[in-house]
Amino acid sequence: MAFWYLNVAAFIAAMGAVFHGYVGGRIYLGHINGSDLEDLTKSLSVVSWQVFTIWLAVSAAVLVCVSLDASLRLMAYPIIAVNALCALLFVFLGFTGHGQLLKLPGAYLTGATAFLAYMGLIA
């Protein structure tokens, strides 16, 4: 198992979590709080935003654990799958009327995390 592939994937996911949660969260909250959405809708929107941040952080933590203990390698497969599916979702939606999603780092971040984590398992 390639320690470095897994740790680079974990680093990408961790930096994504920090950027998404803090920088992106501040921008997003500014737009949401400035909108005329109902309070409950605003709250649920913020929760859904931060769920992605949590997912990135958990991805990073699991990949570090797997890089340190090869017997935990099965834990990486759901992380790879969910990151690959997220990348595919971004790309699919980007090509079906939501082109602005292709300008955001989501597809590239999750795609790179999935690819590097998979390379770490097969190397």
PDB file of N, CA and C in Angstrom:
ATOM      1  N   MET A   1       0.860  -1.172   0.000  1.00  0.00           N
ATOM      2  CA  MET A   1       0.000   0.000   0.000  1.00  0.00           C
ATOM      3  C   MET A   1       0.903   1.232   0.000  1.00  0.00           C
ATOM      4  N   ALA A   2       0.590   2.190  -0.805  1.00  0.00           N
ATOM      5  CA  ALA A   2       1.421   3.380  -0.929  1.00  0.00           C
ATOM      6  C   ALA A   2       1.002   4.433   0.095  1.00  0.00           C
ATOM      7  N   PHE A   3       1.845   4.543   1.101  1.00  0.00           N
ATOM      8  CA  PHE A   3       1.637   5.494   2.195  1.00  0.00           C
ATOM      9  C   PHE A   3       1.421   6.908   1.663  1.00  0.00           C
ATOM     10  N   TRP A   4       2.224   7.291   0.694  1.00  0.00           N
ATOM     11  CA  TRP A   4       2.181   8.671   0.210  1.00  0.00           C
ATOM     12  C   TRP A   4       0.913   8.988  -0.565  1.00  0.00           C
ATOM     13  N   TYR A   5       0.440   8.063  -1.383  1.00  0.00           N
ATOM     14  CA  TYR A   5      -0.820   8.306  -2.101  1.00  0.00           C
ATOM     15  C   TYR A   5      -1.955   8.586  -1.114  1.00  0.00           C
ATOM     16  N   LEU A   6      -2.033   7.746  -0.098  1.00  0.00           N
ATOM     17  CA  LEU A   6      -3.104   7.905   0.888  1.00  0.00           C
ATOM     18  C   LEU A   6      -2.970   9.215   1.659  1.00  0.00           C
ATOM     19  N   ASN A   7      -1.745   9.570   1.999  1.00  0.00           N
ATOM     20  CA  ASN A   7      -1.560  10.799   2.762  1.00  0.00           C
ATOM     21  C   ASN A   7      -1.740  12.048   1.915  1.00  0.00           C
ATOM     22  N   VAL A   8      -1.399  12.003   0.646  1.00  0.00           N
ATOM     23  CA  VAL A   8      -1.682  13.143  -0.230  1.00  0.00           C
ATOM     24  C   VAL A   8      -3.196  13.287  -0.406  1.00  0.00           C
ATOM     25  N   ALA A   9      -3.891  12.170  -0.572  1.00  0.00           N
ATOM     26  CA  ALA A   9      -5.361  12.209  -0.659  1.00  0.00           C
ATOM     27  C   ALA A   9      -5.945  12.788   0.625  1.00  0.00           C
ATOM     28  N   ALA A  10      -5.414  12.361   1.769  1.00  0.00           N
ATOM     29  CA  ALA A  10      -5.888  12.875   3.058  1.00  0.00           C
ATOM     30  C   ALA A  10      -5.604  14.370   3.187  1.00  0.00           C
ATOM     31  N   PHE A  11      -4.443  14.803   2.726  1.00  0.00           N
ATOM     32  CA  PHE A  11      -4.095  16.224   2.785  1.00  0.00           C
ATOM     33  C   PHE A  11      -5.048  17.053   1.929  1.00  0.00           C
ATOM     34  N   ILE A  12      -5.341  16.573   0.725  1.00  0.00           N
ATOM     35  CA  ILE A  12      -6.270  17.284  -0.159  1.00  0.00           C
ATOM     36  C   ILE A  12      -7.639  17.396   0.508  1.00  0.00           C
ATOM     37  N   ALA A  13      -8.120  16.294   1.075  1.00  0.00           N
ATOM     38  CA  ALA A  13      -9.422  16.312   1.741  1.00  0.00           C
ATOM     39  C   ALA A  13      -9.402  17.238   2.961  1.00  0.00           C
ATOM     40  N   ALA A  14      -8.322  17.212   3.729  1.00  0.00           N
ATOM     41  CA  ALA A  14      -8.231  18.062   4.917  1.00  0.00           C
ATOM     42  C   ALA A  14      -8.194  19.546   4.540  1.00  0.00           C
ATOM     43  N   MET A  15      -7.399  19.884   3.535  1.00  0.00           N
ATOM     44  CA  MET A  15      -7.351  21.283   3.094  1.00  0.00           C
ATOM     45  C   MET A  15      -8.707  21.701   2.513  1.00  0.00           C
ATOM     46  N   GLY A  16      -9.354  20.768   1.832  1.00  0.00           N
ATOM     47  CA  GLY A  16     -10.695  21.044   1.325  1.00  0.00           C
ATOM     48  C   GLY A  16     -11.667  21.311   2.456  1.00  0.00           C
ATOM     49  N   ALA A  17     -11.560  20.543   3.534  1.00  0.00           N
ATOM     50  CA  ALA A  17     -12.447  20.740   4.686  1.00  0.00           C
ATOM     51  C   ALA A  17     -12.222  22.107   5.316  1.00  0.00           C
ATOM     52  N   VAL A  18     -10.957  22.495   5.471  1.00  0.00           N
ATOM     53  CA  VAL A  18     -10.651  23.798   6.074  1.00  0.00           C
ATOM     54  C   VAL A  18     -11.156  24.923   5.172  1.00  0.00           C
ATOM     55  N   PHE A  19     -10.845  24.840   3.889  1.00  0.00           N
ATOM     56  CA  PHE A  19     -11.260  25.892   2.965  1.00  0.00           C
ATOM     57  C   PHE A  19     -12.782  25.947   2.848  1.00  0.00           C
ATOM     58  N   HIS A  20     -13.410  24.785   2.682  1.00  0.00           N
ATOM     59  CA  HIS A  20     -14.860  24.721   2.534  1.00  0.00           C
ATOM     60  C   HIS A  20     -15.565  25.202   3.792  1.00  0.00           C
ATOM     61  N   GLY A  21     -15.093  24.737   4.935  1.00  0.00           N
ATOM     62  CA  GLY A  21     -15.749  25.076   6.186  1.00  0.00           C
ATOM     63  C   GLY A  21     -15.568  26.517   6.603  1.00  0.00           C
ATOM     64  N   TYR A  22     -14.366  27.049   6.413  1.00  0.00           N
ATOM     65  CA  TYR A  22     -14.122  28.407   6.892  1.00  0.00           C
ATOM     66  C   TYR A  22     -14.331  29.454   5.800  1.00  0.00           C
ATOM     67  N   VAL A  23     -13.527  29.409   4.756  1.00  0.00           N
ATOM     68  CA  VAL A  23     -13.614  30.431   3.702  1.00  0.00           C
ATOM     69  C   VAL A  23     -14.937  30.324   2.956  1.00  0.00           C
ATOM     70  N   GLY A  24     -15.220  29.136   2.443  1.00  0.00           N
ATOM     71  CA  GLY A  24     -16.470  28.936   1.718  1.00  0.00           C
ATOM     72  C   GLY A  24     -17.682  29.160   2.599  1.00  0.00           C
ATOM     73  N   GLY A  25     -17.570  28.726   3.855  1.00  0.00           N
ATOM     74  CA  GLY A  25     -18.682  28.908   4.788  1.00  0.00           C
ATOM     75  C   GLY A  25     -19.004  30.368   5.037  1.00  0.00           C
ATOM     76  N   ARG A  26     -17.975  31.196   5.147  1.00  0.00           N
ATOM     77  CA  ARG A  26     -18.200  32.638   5.365  1.00  0.00           C
ATOM     78  C   ARG A  26     -18.883  33.262   4.148  1.00  0.00           C
ATOM     79  N   ILE A  27     -18.418  32.900   2.958  1.00  0.00           N
ATOM     80  CA  ILE A  27     -19.027  33.430   1.734  1.00  0.00           C
ATOM     81  C   ILE A  27     -20.474  32.959   1.635  1.00  0.00           C
ATOM     82  N   TYR A  28     -20.665  31.654   1.838  1.00  0.00           N
ATOM     83  CA  TYR A  28     -21.989  31.055   1.738  1.00  0.00           C
ATOM     84  C   TYR A  28     -22.956  31.666   2.754  1.00  0.00           C
ATOM     85  N   LEU A  29     -22.490  31.785   4.000  1.00  0.00           N
ATOM     86  CA  LEU A  29     -23.359  32.364   5.039  1.00  0.00           C
ATOM     87  C   LEU A  29     -23.753  33.792   4.704  1.00  0.00           C
ATOM     88  N   GLY A  30     -22.841  34.537   4.119  1.00  0.00           N
ATOM     89  CA  GLY A  30     -23.172  35.902   3.720  1.00  0.00           C
ATOM     90  C   GLY A  30     -24.305  35.935   2.721  1.00  0.00           C
ATOM     91  N   HIS A  31     -24.245  35.036   1.742  1.00  0.00           N
ATOM     92  CA  HIS A  31     -25.311  34.971   0.738  1.00  0.00           C
ATOM     93  C   HIS A  31     -26.628  34.475   1.336  1.00  0.00           C
ATOM     94  N   ILE A  32     -26.549  33.451   2.166  1.00  0.00           N
ATOM     95  CA  ILE A  32     -27.762  32.876   2.758  1.00  0.00           C
ATOM     96  C   ILE A  32     -28.418  33.865   3.716  1.00  0.00           C
ATOM     97  N   ASN A  33     -27.626  34.452   4.599  1.00  0.00           N
ATOM     98  CA  ASN A  33     -28.196  35.390   5.576  1.00  0.00           C
ATOM     99  C   ASN A  33     -28.741  36.645   4.910  1.00  0.00           C
ATOM    100  N   GLY A  34     -28.203  36.999   3.765  1.00  0.00           N
ATOM    101  CA  GLY A  34     -28.689  38.166   3.050  1.00  0.00           C
ATOM    102  C   GLY A  34     -29.876  37.894   2.146  1.00  0.00           C
ATOM    103  N   SER A  35     -30.306  36.652   2.106  1.00  0.00           N
ATOM    104  CA  SER A  35     -31.419  36.287   1.228  1.00  0.00           C
ATOM    105  C   SER A  35     -32.755  36.451   1.957  1.00  0.00           C
ATOM    106  N   ASP A  36     -33.831  36.276   1.212  1.00  0.00           N
ATOM    107  CA  ASP A  36     -35.160  36.374   1.825  1.00  0.00           C
ATOM    108  C   ASP A  36     -35.762  34.994   2.095  1.00  0.00           C
ATOM    109  N   LEU A  37     -34.899  33.993   2.236  1.00  0.00           N
ATOM    110  CA  LEU A  37     -35.372  32.657   2.587  1.00  0.00           C
ATOM    111  C   LEU A  37     -35.915  32.647   4.013  1.00  0.00           C
ATOM    112  N   GLU A  38     -36.804  31.709   4.290  1.00  0.00           N
ATOM    113  CA  GLU A  38     -37.319  31.546   5.645  1.00  0.00           C
ATOM    114  C   GLU A  38     -36.178  31.088   6.563  1.00  0.00           C
ATOM    115  N   ASP A  39     -36.305  31.378   7.839  1.00  0.00           N
ATOM    116  CA  ASP A  39     -35.248  31.042   8.796  1.00  0.00           C
ATOM    117  C   ASP A  39     -34.941  29.547   8.820  1.00  0.00           C
ATOM    118  N   LEU A  40     -35.963  28.709   8.801  1.00  0.00           N
ATOM    119  CA  LEU A  40     -35.735  27.273   8.810  1.00  0.00           C
ATOM    120  C   LEU A  40     -34.972  26.841   7.556  1.00  0.00           C
ATOM    121  N   THR A  41     -35.315  27.389   6.409  1.00  0.00           N
ATOM    122  CA  THR A  41     -34.635  27.064   5.166  1.00  0.00           C
ATOM    123  C   THR A  41     -33.175  27.492   5.229  1.00  0.00           C
ATOM    124  N   LYS A  42     -32.910  28.654   5.803  1.00  0.00           N
ATOM    125  CA  LYS A  42     -31.531  29.117   5.975  1.00  0.00           C
ATOM    126  C   LYS A  42     -30.749  28.149   6.855  1.00  0.00           C
ATOM    127  N   SER A  43     -31.358  27.743   7.966  1.00  0.00           N
ATOM    128  CA  SER A  43     -30.685  26.828   8.895  1.00  0.00           C
ATOM    129  C   SER A  43     -30.378  25.488   8.242  1.00  0.00           C
ATOM    130  N   LEU A  44     -31.352  24.939   7.535  1.00  0.00           N
ATOM    131  CA  LEU A  44     -31.129  23.655   6.862  1.00  0.00           C
ATOM    132  C   LEU A  44     -30.087  23.770   5.773  1.00  0.00           C
ATOM    133  N   SER A  45     -30.047  24.892   5.095  1.00  0.00           N
ATOM    134  CA  SER A  45     -29.060  25.122   4.062  1.00  0.00           C
ATOM    135  C   SER A  45     -27.650  25.143   4.651  1.00  0.00           C
ATOM    136  N   VAL A  46     -27.504  25.794   5.792  1.00  0.00           N
ATOM    137  CA  VAL A  46     -26.197  25.849   6.447  1.00  0.00           C
ATOM    138  C   VAL A  46     -25.779  24.459   6.914  1.00  0.00           C
ATOM    139  N   VAL A  47     -26.706  23.691   7.438  1.00  0.00           N
ATOM    140  CA  VAL A  47     -26.393  22.319   7.859  1.00  0.00           C
ATOM    141  C   VAL A  47     -25.915  21.500   6.664  1.00  0.00           C
ATOM    142  N   SER A  48     -26.612  21.590   5.547  1.00  0.00           N
ATOM    143  CA  SER A  48     -26.209  20.802   4.377  1.00  0.00           C
ATOM    144  C   SER A  48     -24.841  21.247   3.869  1.00  0.00           C
ATOM    145  N   TRP A  49     -24.541  22.536   3.972  1.00  0.00           N
ATOM    146  CA  TRP A  49     -23.215  23.030   3.572  1.00  0.00           C
ATOM    147  C   TRP A  49     -22.137  22.400   4.448  1.00  0.00           C
ATOM    148  N   GLN A  50     -22.362  22.402   5.752  1.00  0.00           N
ATOM    149  CA  GLN A  50     -21.342  21.913   6.669  1.00  0.00           C
ATOM    150  C   GLN A  50     -21.246  20.388   6.708  1.00  0.00           C
ATOM    151  N   VAL A  51     -22.272  19.693   6.263  1.00  0.00           N
ATOM    152  CA  VAL A  51     -22.175  18.233   6.159  1.00  0.00           C
ATOM    153  C   VAL A  51     -21.062  17.861   5.184  1.00  0.00           C
ATOM    154  N   PHE A  52     -20.944  18.604   4.093  1.00  0.00           N
ATOM    155  CA  PHE A  52     -19.870  18.345   3.129  1.00  0.00           C
ATOM    156  C   PHE A  52     -18.506  18.599   3.775  1.00  0.00           C
ATOM    157  N   THR A  53     -18.415  19.635   4.608  1.00  0.00           N
ATOM    158  CA  THR A  53     -17.169  19.915   5.323  1.00  0.00           C
ATOM    159  C   THR A  53     -16.800  18.751   6.242  1.00  0.00           C
ATOM    160  N   ILE A  54     -17.785  18.250   6.963  1.00  0.00           N
ATOM    161  CA  ILE A  54     -17.551  17.118   7.860  1.00  0.00           C
ATOM    162  C   ILE A  54     -17.121  15.891   7.069  1.00  0.00           C
ATOM    163  N   TRP A  55     -17.766  15.660   5.938  1.00  0.00           N
ATOM    164  CA  TRP A  55     -17.434  14.524   5.099  1.00  0.00           C
ATOM    165  C   TRP A  55     -15.979  14.608   4.637  1.00  0.00           C
ATOM    166  N   LEU A  56     -15.529  15.792   4.249  1.00  0.00           N
ATOM    167  CA  LEU A  56     -14.132  15.951   3.836  1.00  0.00           C
ATOM    168  C   LEU A  56     -13.182  15.664   4.997  1.00  0.00           C
ATOM    169  N   ALA A  57     -13.514  16.152   6.182  1.00  0.00           N
ATOM    170  CA  ALA A  57     -12.666  15.927   7.351  1.00  0.00           C
ATOM    171  C   ALA A  57     -12.609  14.442   7.719  1.00  0.00           C
ATOM    172  N   VAL A  58     -13.748  13.766   7.673  1.00  0.00           N
ATOM    173  CA  VAL A  58     -13.782  12.330   7.971  1.00  0.00           C
ATOM    174  C   VAL A  58     -13.000  11.554   6.911  1.00  0.00           C
ATOM    175  N   SER A  59     -13.137  11.948   5.672  1.00  0.00           N
ATOM    176  CA  SER A  59     -12.357  11.306   4.600  1.00  0.00           C
ATOM    177  C   SER A  59     -10.869  11.401   4.906  1.00  0.00           C
ATOM    178  N   ALA A  60     -10.416  12.586   5.279  1.00  0.00           N
ATOM    179  CA  ALA A  60      -8.999  12.783   5.587  1.00  0.00           C
ATOM    180  C   ALA A  60      -8.560  11.905   6.752  1.00  0.00           C
ATOM    181  N   ALA A  61      -9.347  11.881   7.815  1.00  0.00           N
ATOM    182  CA  ALA A  61      -8.984  11.103   8.997  1.00  0.00           C
ATOM    183  C   ALA A  61      -8.916   9.608   8.697  1.00  0.00           C
ATOM    184  N   VAL A  62      -9.882   9.096   7.977  1.00  0.00           N
ATOM    185  CA  VAL A  62      -9.895   7.663   7.640  1.00  0.00           C
ATOM    186  C   VAL A  62      -8.693   7.312   6.769  1.00  0.00           C
ATOM    187  N   LEU A  63      -8.393   8.152   5.798  1.00  0.00           N
ATOM    188  CA  LEU A  63      -7.265   7.850   4.915  1.00  0.00           C
ATOM    189  C   LEU A  63      -5.933   7.874   5.654  1.00  0.00           C
ATOM    190  N   VAL A  64      -5.785   8.751   6.630  1.00  0.00           N
ATOM    191  CA  VAL A  64      -4.566   8.743   7.448  1.00  0.00           C
ATOM    192  C   VAL A  64      -4.492   7.450   8.254  1.00  0.00           C
ATOM    193  N   CYS A  65      -5.596   7.045   8.845  1.00  0.00           N
ATOM    194  CA  CYS A  65      -5.629   5.789   9.611  1.00  0.00           C
ATOM    195  C   CYS A  65      -5.243   4.601   8.746  1.00  0.00           C
ATOM    196  N   VAL A  66      -5.781   4.552   7.540  1.00  0.00           N
ATOM    197  CA  VAL A  66      -5.472   3.441   6.632  1.00  0.00           C
ATOM    198  C   VAL A  66      -4.003   3.478   6.224  1.00  0.00           C
ATOM    199  N   SER A  67      -3.456   4.675   6.020  1.00  0.00           N
ATOM    200  CA  SER A  67      -2.043   4.762   5.637  1.00  0.00           C
ATOM    201  C   SER A  67      -1.126   4.269   6.751  1.00  0.00           C
ATOM    202  N   LEU A  68      -1.560   4.378   7.980  1.00  0.00           N
ATOM    203  CA  LEU A  68      -0.745   3.963   9.121  1.00  0.00           C
ATOM    204  C   LEU A  68      -0.929   2.499   9.497  1.00  0.00           C
ATOM    205  N   ASP A  69      -2.050   1.915   9.087  1.00  0.00           N
ATOM    206  CA  ASP A  69      -2.333   0.514   9.423  1.00  0.00           C
ATOM    207  C   ASP A  69      -3.030  -0.150   8.239  1.00  0.00           C
ATOM    208  N   ALA A  70      -2.274  -0.925   7.484  1.00  0.00           N
ATOM    209  CA  ALA A  70      -2.793  -1.550   6.266  1.00  0.00           C
ATOM    210  C   ALA A  70      -3.952  -2.506   6.533  1.00  0.00           C
ATOM    211  N   SER A  71      -4.081  -3.009   7.757  1.00  0.00           N
ATOM    212  CA  SER A  71      -5.186  -3.925   8.051  1.00  0.00           C
ATOM    213  C   SER A  71      -6.538  -3.200   8.035  1.00  0.00           C
ATOM    214  N   LEU A  72      -6.517  -1.884   8.008  1.00  0.00           N
ATOM    215  CA  LEU A  72      -7.751  -1.092   7.980  1.00  0.00           C
ATOM    216  C   LEU A  72      -8.162  -0.718   6.552  1.00  0.00           C
ATOM    217  N   ARG A  73      -7.540  -1.295   5.559  1.00  0.00           N
ATOM    218  CA  ARG A  73      -7.751  -0.885   4.168  1.00  0.00           C
ATOM    219  C   ARG A  73      -9.210  -0.936   3.711  1.00  0.00           C
ATOM    220  N   LEU A  74     -10.015  -1.829   4.274  1.00  0.00           N
ATOM    221  CA  LEU A  74     -11.430  -1.894   3.883  1.00  0.00           C
ATOM    222  C   LEU A  74     -12.173  -0.603   4.220  1.00  0.00           C
ATOM    223  N   MET A  75     -11.685   0.137   5.217  1.00  0.00           N
ATOM    224  CA  MET A  75     -12.315   1.401   5.587  1.00  0.00           C
ATOM    225  C   MET A  75     -12.195   2.435   4.470  1.00  0.00           C
ATOM    226  N   ALA A  76     -11.210   2.282   3.604  1.00  0.00           N
ATOM    227  CA  ALA A  76     -10.983   3.273   2.546  1.00  0.00           C
ATOM    228  C   ALA A  76     -11.983   3.148   1.406  1.00  0.00           C
ATOM    229  N   TYR A  77     -12.527   1.968   1.182  1.00  0.00           N
ATOM    230  CA  TYR A  77     -13.406   1.791   0.021  1.00  0.00           C
ATOM    231  C   TYR A  77     -14.669   2.652   0.052  1.00  0.00           C
ATOM    232  N   PRO A  78     -15.368   2.766   1.180  1.00  0.00           N
ATOM    233  CA  PRO A  78     -16.517   3.689   1.192  1.00  0.00           C
ATOM    234  C   PRO A  78     -16.088   5.143   0.980  1.00  0.00           C
ATOM    235  N   ILE A  79     -14.918   5.520   1.491  1.00  0.00           N
ATOM    236  CA  ILE A  79     -14.405   6.880   1.295  1.00  0.00           C
ATOM    237  C   ILE A  79     -14.134   7.119  -0.189  1.00  0.00           C
ATOM    238  N   ILE A  80     -13.524   6.150  -0.835  1.00  0.00           N
ATOM    239  CA  ILE A  80     -13.258   6.262  -2.272  1.00  0.00           C
ATOM    240  C   ILE A  80     -14.572   6.352  -3.039  1.00  0.00           C
ATOM    241  N   ALA A  81     -15.512   5.492  -2.697  1.00  0.00           N
ATOM    242  CA  ALA A  81     -16.791   5.463  -3.421  1.00  0.00           C
ATOM    243  C   ALA A  81     -17.553   6.777  -3.276  1.00  0.00           C
ATOM    244  N   VAL A  82     -17.670   7.296  -2.066  1.00  0.00           N
ATOM    245  CA  VAL A  82     -18.456   8.509  -1.866  1.00  0.00           C
ATOM    246  C   VAL A  82     -17.780   9.711  -2.519  1.00  0.00           C
ATOM    247  N   ASN A  83     -16.453   9.762  -2.510  1.00  0.00           N
ATOM    248  CA  ASN A  83     -15.761  10.860  -3.176  1.00  0.00           C
ATOM    249  C   ASN A  83     -15.887  10.755  -4.687  1.00  0.00           C
ATOM    250  N   ALA A  84     -15.784   9.546  -5.228  1.00  0.00           N
ATOM    251  CA  ALA A  84     -15.949   9.363  -6.673  1.00  0.00           C
ATOM    252  C   ALA A  84     -17.372   9.699  -7.108  1.00  0.00           C
ATOM    253  N   LEU A  85     -18.346   9.267  -6.327  1.00  0.00           N
ATOM    254  CA  LEU A  85     -19.741   9.584  -6.667  1.00  0.00           C
ATOM    255  C   LEU A  85     -20.013  11.080  -6.599  1.00  0.00           C
ATOM    256  N   CYS A  86     -19.418  11.748  -5.644  1.00  0.00           N
ATOM    257  CA  CYS A  86     -19.589  13.196  -5.549  1.00  0.00           C
ATOM    258  C   CYS A  86     -18.983  13.885  -6.777  1.00  0.00           C
ATOM    259  N   ALA A  87     -17.804  13.447  -7.180  1.00  0.00           N
ATOM    260  CA  ALA A  87     -17.180  14.030  -8.372  1.00  0.00           C
ATOM    261  C   ALA A  87     -18.063  13.806  -9.597  1.00  0.00           C
ATOM    262  N   LEU A  88     -18.593  12.600  -9.732  1.00  0.00           N
ATOM    263  CA  LEU A  88     -19.489  12.307 -10.860  1.00  0.00           C
ATOM    264  C   LEU A  88     -20.756  13.151 -10.803  1.00  0.00           C
ATOM    265  N   LEU A  89     -21.287  13.370  -9.622  1.00  0.00           N
ATOM    266  CA  LEU A  89     -22.480  14.210  -9.469  1.00  0.00           C
ATOM    267  C   LEU A  89     -22.199  15.645  -9.909  1.00  0.00           C
ATOM    268  N   PHE A  90     -21.073  16.193  -9.473  1.00  0.00           N
ATOM    269  CA  PHE A  90     -20.696  17.541  -9.894  1.00  0.00           C
ATOM    270  C   PHE A  90     -20.596  17.629 -11.420  1.00  0.00           C
ATOM    271  N   VAL A  91     -19.935  16.657 -12.012  1.00  0.00           N
ATOM    272  CA  VAL A  91     -19.742  16.669 -13.471  1.00  0.00           C
ATOM    273  C   VAL A  91     -21.077  16.494 -14.180  1.00  0.00           C
ATOM    274  N   PHE A  92     -21.884  15.545 -13.725  1.00  0.00           N
ATOM    275  CA  PHE A  92     -23.197  15.322 -14.347  1.00  0.00           C
ATOM    276  C   PHE A  92     -24.054  16.582 -14.280  1.00  0.00           C
ATOM    277  N   LEU A  93     -24.161  17.157 -13.098  1.00  0.00           N
ATOM    278  CA  LEU A  93     -24.962  18.370 -12.955  1.00  0.00           C
ATOM    279  C   LEU A  93     -24.357  19.530 -13.739  1.00  0.00           C
ATOM    280  N   GLY A  94     -23.034  19.568 -13.803  1.00  0.00           N
ATOM    281  CA  GLY A  94     -22.367  20.619 -14.566  1.00  0.00           C
ATOM    282  C   GLY A  94     -22.702  20.581 -16.043  1.00  0.00           C
ATOM    283  N   PHE A  95     -22.871  19.377 -16.573  1.00  0.00           N
ATOM    284  CA  PHE A  95     -23.188  19.229 -18.004  1.00  0.00           C
ATOM    285  C   PHE A  95     -24.691  19.201 -18.289  1.00  0.00           C
ATOM    286  N   THR A  96     -25.502  19.249 -17.253  1.00  0.00           N
ATOM    287  CA  THR A  96     -26.953  19.211 -17.466  1.00  0.00           C
ATOM    288  C   THR A  96     -27.648  20.444 -16.897  1.00  0.00           C
ATOM    289  N   GLY A  97     -27.086  21.590 -17.182  1.00  0.00           N
ATOM    290  CA  GLY A  97     -27.760  22.825 -16.838  1.00  0.00           C
ATOM    291  C   GLY A  97     -27.214  23.584 -15.648  1.00  0.00           C
ATOM    292  N   HIS A  98     -26.207  23.059 -14.991  1.00  0.00           N
ATOM    293  CA  HIS A  98     -25.624  23.729 -13.827  1.00  0.00           C
ATOM    294  C   HIS A  98     -24.125  23.912 -14.048  1.00  0.00           C
ATOM    295  N   GLY A  99     -23.784  24.521 -15.165  1.00  0.00           N
ATOM    296  CA  GLY A  99     -22.391  24.675 -15.573  1.00  0.00           C
ATOM    297  C   GLY A  99     -21.503  25.365 -14.563  1.00  0.00           C
ATOM    298  N   GLN A 100     -22.086  26.200 -13.712  1.00  0.00           N
ATOM    299  CA  GLN A 100     -21.285  26.896 -12.706  1.00  0.00           C
ATOM    300  C   GLN A 100     -20.612  25.926 -11.746  1.00  0.00           C
ATOM    301  N   LEU A 101     -21.155  24.721 -11.589  1.00  0.00           N
ATOM    302  CA  LEU A 101     -20.542  23.731 -10.702  1.00  0.00           C
ATOM    303  C   LEU A 101     -19.169  23.291 -11.201  1.00  0.00           C
ATOM    304  N   LEU A 102     -18.960  23.344 -12.507  1.00  0.00           N
ATOM    305  CA  LEU A 102     -17.669  22.945 -13.062  1.00  0.00           C
ATOM    306  C   LEU A 102     -16.589  23.981 -12.778  1.00  0.00           C
ATOM    307  N   LYS A 103     -16.990  25.170 -12.371  1.00  0.00           N
ATOM    308  CA  LYS A 103     -16.031  26.221 -12.017  1.00  0.00           C
ATOM    309  C   LYS A 103     -15.625  26.143 -10.549  1.00  0.00           C
ATOM    310  N   LEU A 104     -16.347  25.352  -9.782  1.00  0.00           N
ATOM    311  CA  LEU A 104     -16.043  25.174  -8.366  1.00  0.00           C
ATOM    312  C   LEU A 104     -15.087  23.996  -8.181  1.00  0.00           C
ATOM    313  N   PRO A 105     -14.356  23.955  -7.083  1.00  0.00           N
ATOM    314  CA  PRO A 105     -13.364  22.890  -6.899  1.00  0.00           C
ATOM    315  C   PRO A 105     -13.924  21.540  -6.464  1.00  0.00           C
ATOM    316  N   GLY A 106     -15.229  21.428  -6.215  1.00  0.00           N
ATOM    317  CA  GLY A 106     -15.804  20.198  -5.669  1.00  0.00           C
ATOM    318  C   GLY A 106     -15.493  18.945  -6.459  1.00  0.00           C
ATOM    319  N   ALA A 107     -15.709  18.968  -7.757  1.00  0.00           N
ATOM    320  CA  ALA A 107     -15.472  17.775  -8.579  1.00  0.00           C
ATOM    321  C   ALA A 107     -14.002  17.399  -8.597  1.00  0.00           C
ATOM    322  N   TYR A 108     -13.148  18.399  -8.669  1.00  0.00           N
ATOM    323  CA  TYR A 108     -11.712  18.147  -8.764  1.00  0.00           C
ATOM    324  C   TYR A 108     -11.152  17.672  -7.433  1.00  0.00           C
ATOM    325  N   LEU A 109     -11.621  18.258  -6.356  1.00  0.00           N
ATOM    326  CA  LEU A 109     -11.194  17.892  -5.012  1.00  0.00           C
ATOM    327  C   LEU A 109     -11.592  16.448  -4.684  1.00  0.00           C
ATOM    328  N   THR A 110     -12.860  16.143  -4.876  1.00  0.00           N
ATOM    329  CA  THR A 110     -13.326  14.795  -4.532  1.00  0.00           C
ATOM    330  C   THR A 110     -12.810  13.753  -5.524  1.00  0.00           C
ATOM    331  N   GLY A 111     -12.677  14.137  -6.777  1.00  0.00           N
ATOM    332  CA  GLY A 111     -12.116  13.216  -7.769  1.00  0.00           C
ATOM    333  C   GLY A 111     -10.665  12.881  -7.463  1.00  0.00           C
ATOM    334  N   ALA A 112      -9.881  13.896  -7.112  1.00  0.00           N
ATOM    335  CA  ALA A 112      -8.473  13.667  -6.772  1.00  0.00           C
ATOM    336  C   ALA A 112      -8.350  12.830  -5.504  1.00  0.00           C
ATOM    337  N   THR A 113      -9.192  13.094  -4.517  1.00  0.00           N
ATOM    338  CA  THR A 113      -9.163  12.313  -3.279  1.00  0.00           C
ATOM    339  C   THR A 113      -9.463  10.844  -3.571  1.00  0.00           C
ATOM    340  N   ALA A 114     -10.503  10.592  -4.353  1.00  0.00           N
ATOM    341  CA  ALA A 114     -10.869   9.210  -4.683  1.00  0.00           C
ATOM    342  C   ALA A 114      -9.759   8.523  -5.478  1.00  0.00           C
ATOM    343  N   PHE A 115      -9.238   9.207  -6.488  1.00  0.00           N
ATOM    344  CA  PHE A 115      -8.201   8.619  -7.343  1.00  0.00           C
ATOM    345  C   PHE A 115      -6.942   8.288  -6.545  1.00  0.00           C
ATOM    346  N   LEU A 116      -6.454   9.251  -5.775  1.00  0.00           N
ATOM    347  CA  LEU A 116      -5.220   9.022  -5.013  1.00  0.00           C
ATOM    348  C   LEU A 116      -5.403   7.963  -3.935  1.00  0.00           C
ATOM    349  N   ALA A 117      -6.555   7.950  -3.289  1.00  0.00           N
ATOM    350  CA  ALA A 117      -6.809   6.919  -2.279  1.00  0.00           C
ATOM    351  C   ALA A 117      -6.837   5.537  -2.924  1.00  0.00           C
ATOM    352  N   TYR A 118      -7.457   5.436  -4.086  1.00  0.00           N
ATOM    353  CA  TYR A 118      -7.495   4.146  -4.788  1.00  0.00           C
ATOM    354  C   TYR A 118      -6.083   3.728  -5.197  1.00  0.00           C
ATOM    355  N   MET A 119      -5.313   4.675  -5.704  1.00  0.00           N
ATOM    356  CA  MET A 119      -3.918   4.358  -6.070  1.00  0.00           C
ATOM    357  C   MET A 119      -3.155   3.870  -4.855  1.00  0.00           C
ATOM    358  N   GLY A 120      -3.425   4.460  -3.692  1.00  0.00           N
ATOM    359  CA  GLY A 120      -2.772   4.014  -2.469  1.00  0.00           C
ATOM    360  C   GLY A 120      -3.121   2.599  -2.078  1.00  0.00           C
ATOM    361  N   LEU A 121      -4.304   2.154  -2.445  1.00  0.00           N
ATOM    362  CA  LEU A 121      -4.694   0.784  -2.110  1.00  0.00           C
ATOM    363  C   LEU A 121      -4.146  -0.252  -3.082  1.00  0.00           C
ATOM    364  N   ILE A 122      -3.984   0.153  -4.330  1.00  0.00           N
ATOM    365  CA  ILE A 122      -3.536  -0.837  -5.316  1.00  0.00           C
ATOM    366  C   ILE A 122      -2.020  -0.815  -5.533  1.00  0.00           C
ATOM    367  N   ALA A 123      -1.345   0.220  -5.026  1.00  0.00           N
ATOM    368  CA  ALA A 123       0.117   0.323  -5.237  1.00  0.00           C
ATOM    369  C   ALA A 123       0.863  -0.636  -4.343  1.00  0.00           C
TER     370      ALA A 123
END
